[in-house]
Amino acid sequence: MIIRVLLLFGLGATGWLIFFRRNRLPFHIMTVFVLLGVGAVAVIFPDITQRAAELVGVGRGADLVTYIAIVAVMFVLLHYYTKFVELQRQLTQLTRELALLRAELERERGAPAQAKPPETPRPS
């Protein structure tokens, strides 16, 4: 019984944190709350996961939840990996454009393309 209360408290705390950090789209927030609700139902009524596991041919409900969690984590990892690669590509493009603009600006000014290091104040 205490385990169920702790699990429900953890799900509630996760929902509370997501609610107060609403920097995502409403669809993402609703998806998280639906998943938290499904998790709460699975904690309160563990027989439901057992019946679902039997329907899909998995031995136990806990195994089914584990398999679903593994697939979900792999999906999230793949999603963020593709985002990371895209951000790297954009950063490379921006760096190239900035370097070209700086070189063009220095060429128009007639000054050398090297940047001067900042001066450090001398102690008195």
C-alpha atoms as a PDB file:
ATOM      1  CA  MET A   1       0.000   0.000   0.000  1.00  0.00           C
ATOM      2  CA  ILE A   2       2.819   2.424   0.855  1.00  0.00           C
ATOM      3  CA  ILE A   3       4.478   1.668  -2.487  1.00  0.00           C
ATOM      4  CA  ARG A   4       1.303   2.631  -4.331  1.00  0.00           C
ATOM      5  CA  VAL A   5       1.052   5.888  -2.405  1.00  0.00           C
ATOM      6  CA  LEU A   6       4.701   6.689  -3.171  1.00  0.00           C
ATOM      7  CA  LEU A   7       4.227   5.891  -6.846  1.00  0.00           C
ATOM      8  CA  LEU A   8       1.109   8.072  -7.026  1.00  0.00           C
ATOM      9  CA  PHE A   9       2.968  10.851  -5.203  1.00  0.00           C
ATOM     10  CA  GLY A  10       5.808  10.597  -7.742  1.00  0.00           C
ATOM     11  CA  LEU A  11       3.367  10.786 -10.645  1.00  0.00           C
ATOM     12  CA  GLY A  12       1.648  13.773  -9.052  1.00  0.00           C
ATOM     13  CA  ALA A  13       4.960  15.539  -8.466  1.00  0.00           C
ATOM     14  CA  THR A  14       5.936  14.964 -12.085  1.00  0.00           C
ATOM     15  CA  GLY A  15       2.634  16.434 -13.257  1.00  0.00           C
ATOM     16  CA  TRP A  16       3.058  19.406 -10.925  1.00  0.00           C
ATOM     17  CA  LEU A  17       6.560  20.120 -12.285  1.00  0.00           C
ATOM     18  CA  ILE A  18       5.370  19.815 -15.885  1.00  0.00           C
ATOM     19  CA  PHE A  19       2.397  22.100 -15.185  1.00  0.00           C
ATOM     20  CA  PHE A  20       4.550  24.869 -13.719  1.00  0.00           C
ATOM     21  CA  ARG A  21       7.214  24.595 -16.412  1.00  0.00           C
ATOM     22  CA  ARG A  22       4.790  25.100 -19.293  1.00  0.00           C
ATOM     23  CA  ASN A  23       7.276  26.020 -21.986  1.00  0.00           C
ATOM     24  CA  ARG A  24       6.001  23.317 -24.303  1.00  0.00           C
ATOM     25  CA  LEU A  25       3.063  23.223 -26.663  1.00  0.00           C
ATOM     26  CA  PRO A  26      -0.343  22.373 -25.149  1.00  0.00           C
ATOM     27  CA  PHE A  27      -0.301  19.059 -27.047  1.00  0.00           C
ATOM     28  CA  HIS A  28       2.895  18.023 -25.252  1.00  0.00           C
ATOM     29  CA  ILE A  29       1.467  18.994 -21.873  1.00  0.00           C
ATOM     30  CA  MET A  30      -1.741  17.047 -22.515  1.00  0.00           C
ATOM     31  CA  THR A  31       0.248  14.020 -23.668  1.00  0.00           C
ATOM     32  CA  VAL A  32       2.256  14.052 -20.440  1.00  0.00           C
ATOM     33  CA  PHE A  33      -0.893  14.313 -18.330  1.00  0.00           C
ATOM     34  CA  VAL A  34      -2.562  11.461 -20.225  1.00  0.00           C
ATOM     35  CA  LEU A  35       0.518   9.304 -19.654  1.00  0.00           C
ATOM     36  CA  LEU A  36       0.550  10.259 -15.972  1.00  0.00           C
ATOM     37  CA  GLY A  37      -3.131   9.313 -15.738  1.00  0.00           C
ATOM     38  CA  VAL A  38      -2.483   5.951 -17.376  1.00  0.00           C
ATOM     39  CA  GLY A  39       0.385   5.432 -14.945  1.00  0.00           C
ATOM     40  CA  ALA A  40      -1.873   6.268 -12.005  1.00  0.00           C
ATOM     41  CA  VAL A  41      -4.509   3.785 -13.214  1.00  0.00           C
ATOM     42  CA  ALA A  42      -1.815   1.119 -13.577  1.00  0.00           C
ATOM     43  CA  VAL A  43      -0.641   1.781 -10.011  1.00  0.00           C
ATOM     44  CA  ILE A  44      -4.142   1.713  -8.516  1.00  0.00           C
ATOM     45  CA  PHE A  45      -5.391  -1.239 -10.597  1.00  0.00           C
ATOM     46  CA  PRO A  46      -2.391  -3.453 -11.438  1.00  0.00           C
ATOM     47  CA  ASP A  47      -4.703  -6.184 -12.769  1.00  0.00           C
ATOM     48  CA  ILE A  48      -5.390  -4.005 -15.825  1.00  0.00           C
ATOM     49  CA  THR A  49      -1.759  -4.221 -16.918  1.00  0.00           C
ATOM     50  CA  GLN A  50      -1.834  -7.985 -16.372  1.00  0.00           C
ATOM     51  CA  ARG A  51      -4.893  -8.349 -18.603  1.00  0.00           C
ATOM     52  CA  ALA A  52      -3.331  -6.109 -21.260  1.00  0.00           C
ATOM     53  CA  ALA A  53      -0.151  -8.191 -21.130  1.00  0.00           C
ATOM     54  CA  GLU A  54      -2.146 -11.383 -21.629  1.00  0.00           C
ATOM     55  CA  LEU A  55      -3.912  -9.810 -24.624  1.00  0.00           C
ATOM     56  CA  VAL A  56      -0.633  -9.064 -26.392  1.00  0.00           C
ATOM     57  CA  GLY A  57       1.063 -12.289 -25.316  1.00  0.00           C
ATOM     58  CA  VAL A  58       3.475 -10.977 -22.671  1.00  0.00           C
ATOM     59  CA  GLY A  59       3.962 -12.915 -19.436  1.00  0.00           C
ATOM     60  CA  ARG A  60       3.359 -10.202 -16.826  1.00  0.00           C
ATOM     61  CA  GLY A  61       1.935  -6.699 -16.709  1.00  0.00           C
ATOM     62  CA  ALA A  62       5.213  -5.352 -15.339  1.00  0.00           C
ATOM     63  CA  ASP A  63       7.038  -6.812 -18.348  1.00  0.00           C
ATOM     64  CA  LEU A  64       4.607  -5.099 -20.712  1.00  0.00           C
ATOM     65  CA  VAL A  65       5.146  -1.751 -18.978  1.00  0.00           C
ATOM     66  CA  THR A  66       8.917  -2.261 -19.201  1.00  0.00           C
ATOM     67  CA  TYR A  67       8.778  -3.057 -22.919  1.00  0.00           C
ATOM     68  CA  ILE A  68       6.616  -0.026 -23.617  1.00  0.00           C
ATOM     69  CA  ALA A  69       8.973   2.167 -21.584  1.00  0.00           C
ATOM     70  CA  ILE A  70      12.005   0.887 -23.514  1.00  0.00           C
ATOM     71  CA  VAL A  71      10.354   1.645 -26.854  1.00  0.00           C
ATOM     72  CA  ALA A  72       9.313   5.109 -25.616  1.00  0.00           C
ATOM     73  CA  VAL A  73      12.838   5.895 -24.380  1.00  0.00           C
ATOM     74  CA  MET A  74      14.329   4.792 -27.699  1.00  0.00           C
ATOM     75  CA  PHE A  75      11.870   7.043 -29.540  1.00  0.00           C
ATOM     76  CA  VAL A  76      12.767  10.021 -27.342  1.00  0.00           C
ATOM     77  CA  LEU A  77      16.502   9.369 -27.778  1.00  0.00           C
ATOM     78  CA  LEU A  78      16.146   9.202 -31.548  1.00  0.00           C
ATOM     79  CA  HIS A  79      14.034  12.371 -31.559  1.00  0.00           C
ATOM     80  CA  TYR A  80      16.570  14.364 -29.528  1.00  0.00           C
ATOM     81  CA  TYR A  81      19.510  12.944 -31.471  1.00  0.00           C
ATOM     82  CA  THR A  82      18.018  14.223 -34.732  1.00  0.00           C
ATOM     83  CA  LYS A  83      17.363  17.606 -33.089  1.00  0.00           C
ATOM     84  CA  PHE A  84      20.972  17.715 -31.882  1.00  0.00           C
ATOM     85  CA  VAL A  85      22.343  16.920 -35.348  1.00  0.00           C
ATOM     86  CA  GLU A  86      20.147  19.628 -36.878  1.00  0.00           C
ATOM     87  CA  LEU A  87      21.333  22.178 -34.300  1.00  0.00           C
ATOM     88  CA  GLN A  88      24.957  21.259 -35.043  1.00  0.00           C
ATOM     89  CA  ARG A  89      24.334  21.815 -38.742  1.00  0.00           C
ATOM     90  CA  GLN A  90      22.714  25.196 -38.082  1.00  0.00           C
ATOM     91  CA  LEU A  91      25.552  26.252 -35.778  1.00  0.00           C
ATOM     92  CA  THR A  92      28.135  25.333 -38.408  1.00  0.00           C
ATOM     93  CA  GLN A  93      26.233  27.332 -41.027  1.00  0.00           C
ATOM     94  CA  LEU A  94      25.954  30.377 -38.740  1.00  0.00           C
ATOM     95  CA  THR A  95      29.659  30.196 -37.851  1.00  0.00           C
ATOM     96  CA  ARG A  96      30.616  30.134 -41.514  1.00  0.00           C
ATOM     97  CA  GLU A  97      28.374  33.088 -42.319  1.00  0.00           C
ATOM     98  CA  LEU A  98      29.748  35.063 -39.362  1.00  0.00           C
ATOM     99  CA  ALA A  99      33.338  34.382 -40.405  1.00  0.00           C
ATOM    100  CA  LEU A 100      32.601  35.501 -43.967  1.00  0.00           C
ATOM    101  CA  LEU A 101      30.868  38.675 -42.751  1.00  0.00           C
ATOM    102  CA  ARG A 102      33.754  39.520 -40.427  1.00  0.00           C
ATOM    103  CA  ALA A 103      36.299  38.977 -43.180  1.00  0.00           C
ATOM    104  CA  GLU A 104      34.295  41.179 -45.553  1.00  0.00           C
ATOM    105  CA  LEU A 105      33.958  43.909 -42.922  1.00  0.00           C
ATOM    106  CA  GLU A 106      37.689  43.862 -42.159  1.00  0.00           C
ATOM    107  CA  ARG A 107      38.496  43.967 -45.866  1.00  0.00           C
ATOM    108  CA  GLU A 108      36.293  47.064 -46.310  1.00  0.00           C
ATOM    109  CA  ARG A 109      37.936  48.777 -43.339  1.00  0.00           C
ATOM    110  CA  GLY A 110      41.388  47.910 -44.603  1.00  0.00           C
ATOM    111  CA  ALA A 111      42.426  46.525 -41.225  1.00  0.00           C
ATOM    112  CA  PRO A 112      43.954  43.120 -40.600  1.00  0.00           C
ATOM    113  CA  ALA A 113      41.463  40.316 -40.067  1.00  0.00           C
ATOM    114  CA  GLN A 114      42.876  39.409 -36.658  1.00  0.00           C
ATOM    115  CA  ALA A 115      40.989  40.449 -33.570  1.00  0.00           C
ATOM    116  CA  LYS A 116      42.916  42.240 -30.823  1.00  0.00           C
ATOM    117  CA  PRO A 117      42.938  40.513 -27.452  1.00  0.00           C
ATOM    118  CA  PRO A 118      41.136  42.443 -24.711  1.00  0.00           C
ATOM    119  CA  GLU A 119      43.313  44.589 -22.495  1.00  0.00           C
ATOM    120  CA  THR A 120      43.629  43.521 -18.897  1.00  0.00           C
ATOM    121  CA  PRO A 121      43.653  46.190 -16.202  1.00  0.00           C
ATOM    122  CA  ARG A 122      46.958  46.655 -14.390  1.00  0.00           C
ATOM    123  CA  PRO A 123      46.955  46.486 -10.606  1.00  0.00           C
ATOM    124  CA  SER A 124      47.884  49.758  -8.877  1.00  0.00           C
END
